[in-house]
Amino acid sequence: MPTDLYAVADFCLIPMGTGDSSVAEHIAECQRVLEKSGLSFKMHGYGTNLEGPWSEVSQAIHDCHSAVHAKGTPRIATDIRIGTRVDRDTPAGDGNDHKVKRVEEILAKDKAAAS
């Protein structure tokens, strides 16, 4: 088993106590951190998919907290889901994409069968 598990994560960083109803500037700061991390990530409407070695994923989320606090945010809450698997290799950067592609293939078969 690898010493550092490959992690496929989804996290939602929630800045609190900013006095502003928009969190876009804070989320942009986190995205800047992720860009520098070198990890595979994709922002979506309510969070970010992030994948790579467990320790690097954890560090990147930590670094997002630090960067958003440094911009003046007094409190941050973060919801995190992390999946790992050891029954097969996950090519780097392919964890989330593979899951989506697999479901799309099943739905395409459904459509083809219905035609």
PDB file of N, CA and C in Angstrom:
ATOM      1  N   MET A   1       0.850  -1.182   0.000  1.00  0.00           N
ATOM      2  CA  MET A   1       0.000   0.000   0.000  1.00  0.00           C
ATOM      3  C   MET A   1       0.894   1.243   0.000  1.00  0.00           C
ATOM      4  N   PRO A   2       0.514   2.272  -0.772  1.00  0.00           N
ATOM      5  CA  PRO A   2       1.356   3.474  -0.832  1.00  0.00           C
ATOM      6  C   PRO A   2       1.440   4.151   0.536  1.00  0.00           C
ATOM      7  N   THR A   3       2.544   4.836   0.762  1.00  0.00           N
ATOM      8  CA  THR A   3       2.705   5.522   2.041  1.00  0.00           C
ATOM      9  C   THR A   3       1.822   6.758   2.137  1.00  0.00           C
ATOM     10  N   ASP A   4       1.509   7.374   1.017  1.00  0.00           N
ATOM     11  CA  ASP A   4       0.630   8.544   1.007  1.00  0.00           C
ATOM     12  C   ASP A   4      -0.531   8.242   0.063  1.00  0.00           C
ATOM     13  N   LEU A   5      -1.689   8.002   0.609  1.00  0.00           N
ATOM     14  CA  LEU A   5      -2.854   7.656  -0.197  1.00  0.00           C
ATOM     15  C   LEU A   5      -3.188   8.748  -1.190  1.00  0.00           C
ATOM     16  N   TYR A   6      -3.669   8.348  -2.366  1.00  0.00           N
ATOM     17  CA  TYR A   6      -4.166   9.302  -3.346  1.00  0.00           C
ATOM     18  C   TYR A   6      -5.567   9.687  -2.907  1.00  0.00           C
ATOM     19  N   ALA A   7      -5.807  10.966  -2.725  1.00  0.00           N
ATOM     20  CA  ALA A   7      -7.078  11.462  -2.201  1.00  0.00           C
ATOM     21  C   ALA A   7      -7.838  12.241  -3.260  1.00  0.00           C
ATOM     22  N   VAL A   8      -9.125  11.962  -3.335  1.00  0.00           N
ATOM     23  CA  VAL A   8     -10.039  12.721  -4.186  1.00  0.00           C
ATOM     24  C   VAL A   8     -10.966  13.440  -3.212  1.00  0.00           C
ATOM     25  N   ALA A   9     -10.870  14.761  -3.172  1.00  0.00           N
ATOM     26  CA  ALA A   9     -11.587  15.536  -2.167  1.00  0.00           C
ATOM     27  C   ALA A   9     -12.551  16.537  -2.800  1.00  0.00           C
ATOM     28  N   ASP A  10     -13.551  16.876  -2.033  1.00  0.00           N
ATOM     29  CA  ASP A  10     -14.451  17.971  -2.368  1.00  0.00           C
ATOM     30  C   ASP A  10     -14.540  18.808  -1.106  1.00  0.00           C
ATOM     31  N   PHE A  11     -14.254  20.095  -1.224  1.00  0.00           N
ATOM     32  CA  PHE A  11     -14.351  20.920  -0.028  1.00  0.00           C
ATOM     33  C   PHE A  11     -15.031  22.242  -0.330  1.00  0.00           C
ATOM     34  N   CYS A  12     -15.679  22.752   0.687  1.00  0.00           N
ATOM     35  CA  CYS A  12     -16.385  24.024   0.605  1.00  0.00           C
ATOM     36  C   CYS A  12     -15.896  24.899   1.745  1.00  0.00           C
ATOM     37  N   LEU A  13     -15.117  25.905   1.413  1.00  0.00           N
ATOM     38  CA  LEU A  13     -14.573  26.842   2.383  1.00  0.00           C
ATOM     39  C   LEU A  13     -15.580  27.973   2.577  1.00  0.00           C
ATOM     40  N   ILE A  14     -15.963  28.226   3.819  1.00  0.00           N
ATOM     41  CA  ILE A  14     -17.006  29.209   4.123  1.00  0.00           C
ATOM     42  C   ILE A  14     -16.436  30.309   5.018  1.00  0.00           C
ATOM     43  N   PRO A  15     -16.100  31.467   4.427  1.00  0.00           N
ATOM     44  CA  PRO A  15     -15.626  32.592   5.231  1.00  0.00           C
ATOM     45  C   PRO A  15     -16.777  33.134   6.083  1.00  0.00           C
ATOM     46  N   MET A  16     -16.488  33.459   7.327  1.00  0.00           N
ATOM     47  CA  MET A  16     -17.524  33.957   8.235  1.00  0.00           C
ATOM     48  C   MET A  16     -17.039  35.231   8.925  1.00  0.00           C
ATOM     49  N   GLY A  17     -17.976  36.107   9.217  1.00  0.00           N
ATOM     50  CA  GLY A  17     -17.651  37.319   9.955  1.00  0.00           C
ATOM     51  C   GLY A  17     -16.990  38.389   9.118  1.00  0.00           C
ATOM     52  N   THR A  18     -17.231  38.365   7.809  1.00  0.00           N
ATOM     53  CA  THR A  18     -16.575  39.336   6.927  1.00  0.00           C
ATOM     54  C   THR A  18     -17.371  40.630   6.795  1.00  0.00           C
ATOM     55  N   GLY A  19     -18.634  40.604   7.184  1.00  0.00           N
ATOM     56  CA  GLY A  19     -19.467  41.792   7.045  1.00  0.00           C
ATOM     57  C   GLY A  19     -19.971  42.006   5.630  1.00  0.00           C
ATOM     58  N   ASP A  20     -19.756  41.043   4.754  1.00  0.00           N
ATOM     59  CA  ASP A  20     -20.172  41.143   3.358  1.00  0.00           C
ATOM     60  C   ASP A  20     -20.896  39.855   2.982  1.00  0.00           C
ATOM     61  N   SER A  21     -21.979  39.972   2.241  1.00  0.00           N
ATOM     62  CA  SER A  21     -22.721  38.777   1.851  1.00  0.00           C
ATOM     63  C   SER A  21     -22.023  37.999   0.734  1.00  0.00           C
ATOM     64  N   SER A  22     -21.128  38.623  -0.007  1.00  0.00           N
ATOM     65  CA  SER A  22     -20.392  37.946  -1.067  1.00  0.00           C
ATOM     66  C   SER A  22     -19.082  37.384  -0.519  1.00  0.00           C
ATOM     67  N   VAL A  23     -18.780  36.164  -0.906  1.00  0.00           N
ATOM     68  CA  VAL A  23     -17.519  35.548  -0.495  1.00  0.00           C
ATOM     69  C   VAL A  23     -16.574  35.355  -1.684  1.00  0.00           C
ATOM     70  N   ALA A  24     -16.919  35.915  -2.832  1.00  0.00           N
ATOM     71  CA  ALA A  24     -16.163  35.685  -4.066  1.00  0.00           C
ATOM     72  C   ALA A  24     -14.681  36.055  -3.938  1.00  0.00           C
ATOM     73  N   GLU A  25     -14.380  37.178  -3.323  1.00  0.00           N
ATOM     74  CA  GLU A  25     -12.972  37.585  -3.182  1.00  0.00           C
ATOM     75  C   GLU A  25     -12.190  36.580  -2.344  1.00  0.00           C
ATOM     76  N   HIS A  26     -12.834  36.045  -1.318  1.00  0.00           N
ATOM     77  CA  HIS A  26     -12.174  35.079  -0.437  1.00  0.00           C
ATOM     78  C   HIS A  26     -11.947  33.753  -1.169  1.00  0.00           C
ATOM     79  N   ILE A  27     -12.941  33.327  -1.930  1.00  0.00           N
ATOM     80  CA  ILE A  27     -12.806  32.086  -2.681  1.00  0.00           C
ATOM     81  C   ILE A  27     -11.753  32.243  -3.777  1.00  0.00           C
ATOM     82  N   ALA A  28     -11.693  33.416  -4.384  1.00  0.00           N
ATOM     83  CA  ALA A  28     -10.650  33.674  -5.389  1.00  0.00           C
ATOM     84  C   ALA A  28      -9.260  33.531  -4.766  1.00  0.00           C
ATOM     85  N   GLU A  29      -9.111  33.983  -3.534  1.00  0.00           N
ATOM     86  CA  GLU A  29      -7.816  33.855  -2.850  1.00  0.00           C
ATOM     87  C   GLU A  29      -7.457  32.380  -2.657  1.00  0.00           C
ATOM     88  N   CYS A  30      -8.427  31.579  -2.274  1.00  0.00           N
ATOM     89  CA  CYS A  30      -8.193  30.141  -2.122  1.00  0.00           C
ATOM     90  C   CYS A  30      -7.824  29.517  -3.468  1.00  0.00           C
ATOM     91  N   GLN A  31      -8.497  29.913  -4.530  1.00  0.00           N
ATOM     92  CA  GLN A  31      -8.183  29.369  -5.858  1.00  0.00           C
ATOM     93  C   GLN A  31      -6.757  29.720  -6.271  1.00  0.00           C
ATOM     94  N   ARG A  32      -6.284  30.908  -5.885  1.00  0.00           N
ATOM     95  CA  ARG A  32      -4.889  31.286  -6.167  1.00  0.00           C
ATOM     96  C   ARG A  32      -3.922  30.326  -5.469  1.00  0.00           C
ATOM     97  N   VAL A  33      -4.255  29.993  -4.228  1.00  0.00           N
ATOM     98  CA  VAL A  33      -3.428  29.050  -3.464  1.00  0.00           C
ATOM     99  C   VAL A  33      -3.400  27.691  -4.165  1.00  0.00           C
ATOM    100  N   LEU A  34      -4.569  27.229  -4.608  1.00  0.00           N
ATOM    101  CA  LEU A  34      -4.637  25.928  -5.265  1.00  0.00           C
ATOM    102  C   LEU A  34      -3.863  25.919  -6.581  1.00  0.00           C
ATOM    103  N   GLU A  35      -3.910  27.022  -7.289  1.00  0.00           N
ATOM    104  CA  GLU A  35      -3.157  27.138  -8.548  1.00  0.00           C
ATOM    105  C   GLU A  35      -1.663  26.934  -8.288  1.00  0.00           C
ATOM    106  N   LYS A  36      -1.176  27.501  -7.195  1.00  0.00           N
ATOM    107  CA  LYS A  36       0.248  27.380  -6.856  1.00  0.00           C
ATOM    108  C   LYS A  36       0.598  25.987  -6.333  1.00  0.00           C
ATOM    109  N   SER A  37      -0.392  25.245  -5.850  1.00  0.00           N
ATOM    110  CA  SER A  37      -0.129  23.938  -5.239  1.00  0.00           C
ATOM    111  C   SER A  37       0.325  22.891  -6.254  1.00  0.00           C
ATOM    112  N   GLY A  38      -0.062  23.061  -7.519  1.00  0.00           N
ATOM    113  CA  GLY A  38       0.265  22.078  -8.536  1.00  0.00           C
ATOM    114  C   GLY A  38      -0.668  20.879  -8.550  1.00  0.00           C
ATOM    115  N   LEU A  39      -1.649  20.855  -7.655  1.00  0.00           N
ATOM    116  CA  LEU A  39      -2.611  19.758  -7.607  1.00  0.00           C
ATOM    117  C   LEU A  39      -3.701  19.958  -8.653  1.00  0.00           C
ATOM    118  N   SER A  40      -4.400  18.887  -8.971  1.00  0.00           N
ATOM    119  CA  SER A  40      -5.530  18.961  -9.885  1.00  0.00           C
ATOM    120  C   SER A  40      -6.740  19.455  -9.095  1.00  0.00           C
ATOM    121  N   PHE A  41      -7.418  20.499  -9.598  1.00  0.00           N
ATOM    122  CA  PHE A  41      -8.583  21.025  -8.902  1.00  0.00           C
ATOM    123  C   PHE A  41      -9.562  21.619  -9.898  1.00  0.00           C
ATOM    124  N   LYS A  42     -10.817  21.683  -9.473  1.00  0.00           N
ATOM    125  CA  LYS A  42     -11.849  22.287 -10.302  1.00  0.00           C
ATOM    126  C   LYS A  42     -12.902  22.907  -9.389  1.00  0.00           C
ATOM    127  N   MET A  43     -13.066  24.198  -9.517  1.00  0.00           N
ATOM    128  CA  MET A  43     -14.070  24.897  -8.732  1.00  0.00           C
ATOM    129  C   MET A  43     -15.442  24.632  -9.337  1.00  0.00           C
ATOM    130  N   HIS A  44     -16.440  24.521  -8.470  1.00  0.00           N
ATOM    131  CA  HIS A  44     -17.828  24.433  -8.918  1.00  0.00           C
ATOM    132  C   HIS A  44     -18.658  25.385  -8.051  1.00  0.00           C
ATOM    133  N   GLY A  45     -19.933  25.453  -8.271  1.00  0.00           N
ATOM    134  CA  GLY A  45     -20.784  26.457  -7.622  1.00  0.00           C
ATOM    135  C   GLY A  45     -20.772  26.459  -6.104  1.00  0.00           C
ATOM    136  N   TYR A  46     -20.546  25.311  -5.490  1.00  0.00           N
ATOM    137  CA  TYR A  46     -20.584  25.232  -4.033  1.00  0.00           C
ATOM    138  C   TYR A  46     -19.355  24.574  -3.440  1.00  0.00           C
ATOM    139  N   GLY A  47     -18.216  24.724  -4.097  1.00  0.00           N
ATOM    140  CA  GLY A  47     -16.998  24.157  -3.555  1.00  0.00           C
ATOM    141  C   GLY A  47     -15.960  23.907  -4.623  1.00  0.00           C
ATOM    142  N   THR A  48     -15.013  23.053  -4.281  1.00  0.00           N
ATOM    143  CA  THR A  48     -13.906  22.743  -5.176  1.00  0.00           C
ATOM    144  C   THR A  48     -13.553  21.271  -5.058  1.00  0.00           C
ATOM    145  N   ASN A  49     -13.386  20.613  -6.205  1.00  0.00           N
ATOM    146  CA  ASN A  49     -12.837  19.260  -6.238  1.00  0.00           C
ATOM    147  C   ASN A  49     -11.323  19.406  -6.268  1.00  0.00           C
ATOM    148  N   LEU A  50     -10.644  18.584  -5.496  1.00  0.00           N
ATOM    149  CA  LEU A  50      -9.193  18.667  -5.366  1.00  0.00           C
ATOM    150  C   LEU A  50      -8.660  17.253  -5.237  1.00  0.00           C
ATOM    151  N   GLU A  51      -7.579  16.949  -5.944  1.00  0.00           N
ATOM    152  CA  GLU A  51      -7.034  15.605  -5.812  1.00  0.00           C
ATOM    153  C   GLU A  51      -5.525  15.580  -5.900  1.00  0.00           C
ATOM    154  N   GLY A  52      -4.977  14.574  -5.249  1.00  0.00           N
ATOM    155  CA  GLY A  52      -3.537  14.380  -5.201  1.00  0.00           C
ATOM    156  C   GLY A  52      -3.184  13.575  -3.973  1.00  0.00           C
ATOM    157  N   PRO A  53      -1.907  13.484  -3.625  1.00  0.00           N
ATOM    158  CA  PRO A  53      -1.519  12.779  -2.406  1.00  0.00           C
ATOM    159  C   PRO A  53      -2.201  13.406  -1.181  1.00  0.00           C
ATOM    160  N   TRP A  54      -2.667  12.551  -0.278  1.00  0.00           N
ATOM    161  CA  TRP A  54      -3.422  12.988   0.905  1.00  0.00           C
ATOM    162  C   TRP A  54      -2.737  14.150   1.618  1.00  0.00           C
ATOM    163  N   SER A  55      -1.444  14.031   1.868  1.00  0.00           N
ATOM    164  CA  SER A  55      -0.737  15.077   2.617  1.00  0.00           C
ATOM    165  C   SER A  55      -0.742  16.408   1.870  1.00  0.00           C
ATOM    166  N   GLU A  56      -0.648  16.367   0.546  1.00  0.00           N
ATOM    167  CA  GLU A  56      -0.654  17.605  -0.237  1.00  0.00           C
ATOM    168  C   GLU A  56      -2.045  18.209  -0.325  1.00  0.00           C
ATOM    169  N   VAL A  57      -3.070  17.365  -0.417  1.00  0.00           N
ATOM    170  CA  VAL A  57      -4.455  17.860  -0.419  1.00  0.00           C
ATOM    171  C   VAL A  57      -4.741  18.540   0.910  1.00  0.00           C
ATOM    172  N   SER A  58      -4.376  17.885   2.004  1.00  0.00           N
ATOM    173  CA  SER A  58      -4.591  18.459   3.336  1.00  0.00           C
ATOM    174  C   SER A  58      -3.837  19.778   3.492  1.00  0.00           C
ATOM    175  N   GLN A  59      -2.606  19.801   3.019  1.00  0.00           N
ATOM    176  CA  GLN A  59      -1.798  21.021   3.118  1.00  0.00           C
ATOM    177  C   GLN A  59      -2.417  22.149   2.296  1.00  0.00           C
ATOM    178  N   ALA A  60      -2.934  21.833   1.114  1.00  0.00           N
ATOM    179  CA  ALA A  60      -3.542  22.866   0.263  1.00  0.00           C
ATOM    180  C   ALA A  60      -4.775  23.472   0.936  1.00  0.00           C
ATOM    181  N   ILE A  61      -5.589  22.639   1.576  1.00  0.00           N
ATOM    182  CA  ILE A  61      -6.767  23.166   2.286  1.00  0.00           C
ATOM    183  C   ILE A  61      -6.319  24.030   3.461  1.00  0.00           C
ATOM    184  N   HIS A  62      -5.309  23.580   4.173  1.00  0.00           N
ATOM    185  CA  HIS A  62      -4.716  24.384   5.256  1.00  0.00           C
ATOM    186  C   HIS A  62      -4.233  25.732   4.723  1.00  0.00           C
ATOM    187  N   ASP A  63      -3.527  25.692   3.593  1.00  0.00           N
ATOM    188  CA  ASP A  63      -2.986  26.921   3.020  1.00  0.00           C
ATOM    189  C   ASP A  63      -4.094  27.872   2.559  1.00  0.00           C
ATOM    190  N   CYS A  64      -5.209  27.314   2.090  1.00  0.00           N
ATOM    191  CA  CYS A  64      -6.363  28.157   1.752  1.00  0.00           C
ATOM    192  C   CYS A  64      -6.866  28.876   3.000  1.00  0.00           C
ATOM    193  N   HIS A  65      -6.989  28.151   4.106  1.00  0.00           N
ATOM    194  CA  HIS A  65      -7.421  28.774   5.361  1.00  0.00           C
ATOM    195  C   HIS A  65      -6.473  29.916   5.726  1.00  0.00           C
ATOM    196  N   SER A  66      -5.183  29.631   5.697  1.00  0.00           N
ATOM    197  CA  SER A  66      -4.195  30.654   6.077  1.00  0.00           C
ATOM    198  C   SER A  66      -4.297  31.891   5.195  1.00  0.00           C
ATOM    199  N   ALA A  67      -4.429  31.680   3.893  1.00  0.00           N
ATOM    200  CA  ALA A  67      -4.489  32.807   2.954  1.00  0.00           C
ATOM    201  C   ALA A  67      -5.758  33.631   3.143  1.00  0.00           C
ATOM    202  N   VAL A  68      -6.883  32.974   3.376  1.00  0.00           N
ATOM    203  CA  VAL A  68      -8.146  33.698   3.557  1.00  0.00           C
ATOM    204  C   VAL A  68      -8.146  34.429   4.902  1.00  0.00           C
ATOM    205  N   HIS A  69      -7.581  33.818   5.941  1.00  0.00           N
ATOM    206  CA  HIS A  69      -7.425  34.531   7.222  1.00  0.00           C
ATOM    207  C   HIS A  69      -6.537  35.765   7.034  1.00  0.00           C
ATOM    208  N   ALA A  70      -5.473  35.617   6.257  1.00  0.00           N
ATOM    209  CA  ALA A  70      -4.544  36.731   6.029  1.00  0.00           C
ATOM    210  C   ALA A  70      -5.221  37.904   5.325  1.00  0.00           C
ATOM    211  N   LYS A  71      -6.314  37.635   4.616  1.00  0.00           N
ATOM    212  CA  LYS A  71      -7.071  38.706   3.945  1.00  0.00           C
ATOM    213  C   LYS A  71      -8.062  39.373   4.905  1.00  0.00           C
ATOM    214  N   GLY A  72      -8.052  38.969   6.185  1.00  0.00           N
ATOM    215  CA  GLY A  72      -8.883  39.617   7.184  1.00  0.00           C
ATOM    216  C   GLY A  72     -10.124  38.858   7.624  1.00  0.00           C
ATOM    217  N   THR A  73     -10.300  37.644   7.156  1.00  0.00           N
ATOM    218  CA  THR A  73     -11.460  36.854   7.558  1.00  0.00           C
ATOM    219  C   THR A  73     -11.218  36.284   8.958  1.00  0.00           C
ATOM    220  N   PRO A  74     -12.093  36.636   9.930  1.00  0.00           N
ATOM    221  CA  PRO A  74     -11.847  36.181  11.293  1.00  0.00           C
ATOM    222  C   PRO A  74     -12.173  34.708  11.543  1.00  0.00           C
ATOM    223  N   ARG A  75     -13.132  34.149  10.793  1.00  0.00           N
ATOM    224  CA  ARG A  75     -13.533  32.762  11.006  1.00  0.00           C
ATOM    225  C   ARG A  75     -13.760  32.076   9.666  1.00  0.00           C
ATOM    226  N   ILE A  76     -13.429  30.803   9.616  1.00  0.00           N
ATOM    227  CA  ILE A  76     -13.671  30.010   8.410  1.00  0.00           C
ATOM    228  C   ILE A  76     -14.189  28.643   8.859  1.00  0.00           C
ATOM    229  N   ALA A  77     -15.238  28.193   8.221  1.00  0.00           N
ATOM    230  CA  ALA A  77     -15.719  26.824   8.402  1.00  0.00           C
ATOM    231  C   ALA A  77     -15.530  26.122   7.055  1.00  0.00           C
ATOM    232  N   THR A  78     -15.091  24.881   7.094  1.00  0.00           N
ATOM    233  CA  THR A  78     -14.890  24.142   5.857  1.00  0.00           C
ATOM    234  C   THR A  78     -15.495  22.751   5.974  1.00  0.00           C
ATOM    235  N   ASP A  79     -16.313  22.411   4.989  1.00  0.00           N
ATOM    236  CA  ASP A  79     -16.839  21.051   4.861  1.00  0.00           C
ATOM    237  C   ASP A  79     -15.925  20.310   3.900  1.00  0.00           C
ATOM    238  N   ILE A  80     -15.509  19.110   4.281  1.00  0.00           N
ATOM    239  CA  ILE A  80     -14.577  18.339   3.463  1.00  0.00           C
ATOM    240  C   ILE A  80     -15.071  16.893   3.354  1.00  0.00           C
ATOM    241  N   ARG A  81     -15.060  16.388   2.132  1.00  0.00           N
ATOM    242  CA  ARG A  81     -15.264  14.958   1.883  1.00  0.00           C
ATOM    243  C   ARG A  81     -14.035  14.467   1.155  1.00  0.00           C
ATOM    244  N   ILE A  82     -13.469  13.370   1.620  1.00  0.00           N
ATOM    245  CA  ILE A  82     -12.276  12.822   0.984  1.00  0.00           C
ATOM    246  C   ILE A  82     -12.492  11.332   0.738  1.00  0.00           C
ATOM    247  N   GLY A  83     -12.223  10.922  -0.488  1.00  0.00           N
ATOM    248  CA  GLY A  83     -12.298   9.504  -0.825  1.00  0.00           C
ATOM    249  C   GLY A  83     -10.931   8.984  -1.219  1.00  0.00           C
ATOM    250  N   THR A  84     -10.683   7.754  -0.855  1.00  0.00           N
ATOM    251  CA  THR A  84      -9.459   7.067  -1.265  1.00  0.00           C
ATOM    252  C   THR A  84      -9.849   5.670  -1.718  1.00  0.00           C
ATOM    253  N   ARG A  85      -8.998   5.065  -2.510  1.00  0.00           N
ATOM    254  CA  ARG A  85      -9.215   3.661  -2.864  1.00  0.00           C
ATOM    255  C   ARG A  85      -7.870   3.009  -3.101  1.00  0.00           C
ATOM    256  N   VAL A  86      -7.795   1.735  -2.777  1.00  0.00           N
ATOM    257  CA  VAL A  86      -6.546   1.000  -2.946  1.00  0.00           C
ATOM    258  C   VAL A  86      -6.752  -0.250  -3.802  1.00  0.00           C
ATOM    259  N   ASP A  87      -7.979  -0.441  -4.317  1.00  0.00           N
ATOM    260  CA  ASP A  87      -8.251  -1.620  -5.129  1.00  0.00           C
ATOM    261  C   ASP A  87      -7.808  -1.459  -6.579  1.00  0.00           C
ATOM    262  N   ARG A  88      -7.508  -0.235  -6.982  1.00  0.00           N
ATOM    263  CA  ARG A  88      -6.971   0.005  -8.329  1.00  0.00           C
ATOM    264  C   ARG A  88      -6.228   1.336  -8.312  1.00  0.00           C
ATOM    265  N   ASP A  89      -5.362   1.516  -9.295  1.00  0.00           N
ATOM    266  CA  ASP A  89      -4.622   2.772  -9.405  1.00  0.00           C
ATOM    267  C   ASP A  89      -5.534   3.864  -9.952  1.00  0.00           C
ATOM    268  N   THR A  90      -5.382   5.053  -9.417  1.00  0.00           N
ATOM    269  CA  THR A  90      -6.078   6.224  -9.929  1.00  0.00           C
ATOM    270  C   THR A  90      -5.019   7.112 -10.573  1.00  0.00           C
ATOM    271  N   PRO A  91      -5.070   7.265 -11.900  1.00  0.00           N
ATOM    272  CA  PRO A  91      -4.087   8.157 -12.527  1.00  0.00           C
ATOM    273  C   PRO A  91      -4.203   9.572 -11.949  1.00  0.00           C
ATOM    274  N   ALA A  92      -3.083  10.193 -11.697  1.00  0.00           N
ATOM    275  CA  ALA A  92      -3.079  11.541 -11.116  1.00  0.00           C
ATOM    276  C   ALA A  92      -3.950  12.483 -11.933  1.00  0.00           C
ATOM    277  N   GLY A  93      -4.840  13.160 -11.249  1.00  0.00           N
ATOM    278  CA  GLY A  93      -5.717  14.130 -11.894  1.00  0.00           C
ATOM    279  C   GLY A  93      -6.943  13.526 -12.548  1.00  0.00           C
ATOM    280  N   ASP A  94      -7.128  12.212 -12.437  1.00  0.00           N
ATOM    281  CA  ASP A  94      -8.226  11.541 -13.132  1.00  0.00           C
ATOM    282  C   ASP A  94      -9.327  11.039 -12.197  1.00  0.00           C
ATOM    283  N   GLY A  95      -9.184  11.221 -10.912  1.00  0.00           N
ATOM    284  CA  GLY A  95     -10.138  10.679  -9.955  1.00  0.00           C
ATOM    285  C   GLY A  95     -11.553  11.183 -10.149  1.00  0.00           C
ATOM    286  N   ASN A  96     -11.743  12.492 -10.138  1.00  0.00           N
ATOM    287  CA  ASN A  96     -13.081  13.058 -10.311  1.00  0.00           C
ATOM    288  C   ASN A  96     -13.574  12.886 -11.737  1.00  0.00           C
ATOM    289  N   ASP A  97     -12.720  13.144 -12.702  1.00  0.00           N
ATOM    290  CA  ASP A  97     -13.128  13.033 -14.106  1.00  0.00           C
ATOM    291  C   ASP A  97     -13.573  11.614 -14.447  1.00  0.00           C
ATOM    292  N   HIS A  98     -12.862  10.636 -13.913  1.00  0.00           N
ATOM    293  CA  HIS A  98     -13.215   9.245 -14.189  1.00  0.00           C
ATOM    294  C   HIS A  98     -14.607   8.912 -13.647  1.00  0.00           C
ATOM    295  N   LYS A  99     -14.921   9.399 -12.443  1.00  0.00           N
ATOM    296  CA  LYS A  99     -16.238   9.136 -11.847  1.00  0.00           C
ATOM    297  C   LYS A  99     -17.347   9.722 -12.714  1.00  0.00           C
ATOM    298  N   VAL A 100     -17.163  10.951 -13.147  1.00  0.00           N
ATOM    299  CA  VAL A 100     -18.167  11.619 -13.983  1.00  0.00           C
ATOM    300  C   VAL A 100     -18.300  10.906 -15.323  1.00  0.00           C
ATOM    301  N   LYS A 101     -17.178  10.575 -15.933  1.00  0.00           N
ATOM    302  CA  LYS A 101     -17.196   9.905 -17.235  1.00  0.00           C
ATOM    303  C   LYS A 101     -17.926   8.570 -17.156  1.00  0.00           C
ATOM    304  N   ARG A 102     -17.713   7.833 -16.093  1.00  0.00           N
ATOM    305  CA  ARG A 102     -18.356   6.533 -15.932  1.00  0.00           C
ATOM    306  C   ARG A 102     -19.882   6.675 -15.877  1.00  0.00           C
ATOM    307  N   VAL A 103     -20.378   7.635 -15.129  1.00  0.00           N
ATOM    308  CA  VAL A 103     -21.826   7.866 -15.057  1.00  0.00           C
ATOM    309  C   VAL A 103     -22.365   8.316 -16.413  1.00  0.00           C
ATOM    310  N   GLU A 104     -21.631   9.194 -17.103  1.00  0.00           N
ATOM    311  CA  GLU A 104     -22.066   9.649 -18.432  1.00  0.00           C
ATOM    312  C   GLU A 104     -22.146   8.484 -19.422  1.00  0.00           C
ATOM    313  N   GLU A 105     -21.217   7.533 -19.327  1.00  0.00           N
ATOM    314  CA  GLU A 105     -21.255   6.359 -20.194  1.00  0.00           C
ATOM    315  C   GLU A 105     -22.514   5.529 -19.940  1.00  0.00           C
ATOM    316  N   ILE A 106     -22.869   5.351 -18.684  1.00  0.00           N
ATOM    317  CA  ILE A 106     -24.076   4.601 -18.335  1.00  0.00           C
ATOM    318  C   ILE A 106     -25.318   5.296 -18.874  1.00  0.00           C
ATOM    319  N   LEU A 107     -25.386   6.613 -18.717  1.00  0.00           N
ATOM    320  CA  LEU A 107     -26.538   7.373 -19.214  1.00  0.00           C
ATOM    321  C   LEU A 107     -26.612   7.332 -20.735  1.00  0.00           C
ATOM    322  N   ALA A 108     -25.461   7.358 -21.401  1.00  0.00           N
ATOM    323  CA  ALA A 108     -25.445   7.290 -22.870  1.00  0.00           C
ATOM    324  C   ALA A 108     -26.001   5.929 -23.336  1.00  0.00           C
ATOM    325  N   LYS A 109     -25.656   4.866 -22.624  1.00  0.00           N
ATOM    326  CA  LYS A 109     -26.216   3.541 -22.955  1.00  0.00           C
ATOM    327  C   LYS A 109     -27.728   3.543 -22.777  1.00  0.00           C
ATOM    328  N   ASP A 110     -28.209   4.185 -21.724  1.00  0.00           N
ATOM    329  CA  ASP A 110     -29.662   4.288 -21.490  1.00  0.00           C
ATOM    330  C   ASP A 110     -30.348   4.980 -22.659  1.00  0.00           C
ATOM    331  N   LYS A 111     -29.755   6.092 -23.118  1.00  0.00           N
ATOM    332  CA  LYS A 111     -30.317   6.838 -24.238  1.00  0.00           C
ATOM    333  C   LYS A 111     -30.329   5.997 -25.518  1.00  0.00           C
ATOM    334  N   ALA A 112     -29.217   5.312 -25.756  1.00  0.00           N
ATOM    335  CA  ALA A 112     -29.099   4.484 -26.946  1.00  0.00           C
ATOM    336  C   ALA A 112     -30.134   3.351 -26.933  1.00  0.00           C
ATOM    337  N   ALA A 113     -30.356   2.776 -25.779  1.00  0.00           N
ATOM    338  CA  ALA A 113     -31.315   1.680 -25.650  1.00  0.00           C
ATOM    339  C   ALA A 113     -32.754   2.181 -25.828  1.00  0.00           C
ATOM    340  N   ALA A 114     -32.996   3.422 -25.437  1.00  0.00           N
ATOM    341  CA  ALA A 114     -34.324   4.007 -25.538  1.00  0.00           C
ATOM    342  C   ALA A 114     -34.667   4.456 -26.966  1.00  0.00           C
ATOM    343  N   SER A 115     -33.646   4.586 -27.800  1.00  0.00           N
ATOM    344  CA  SER A 115     -33.864   5.075 -29.179  1.00  0.00           C
ATOM    345  C   SER A 115     -34.376   3.996 -30.088  1.00  0.00           C
TER     346      SER A 115
END
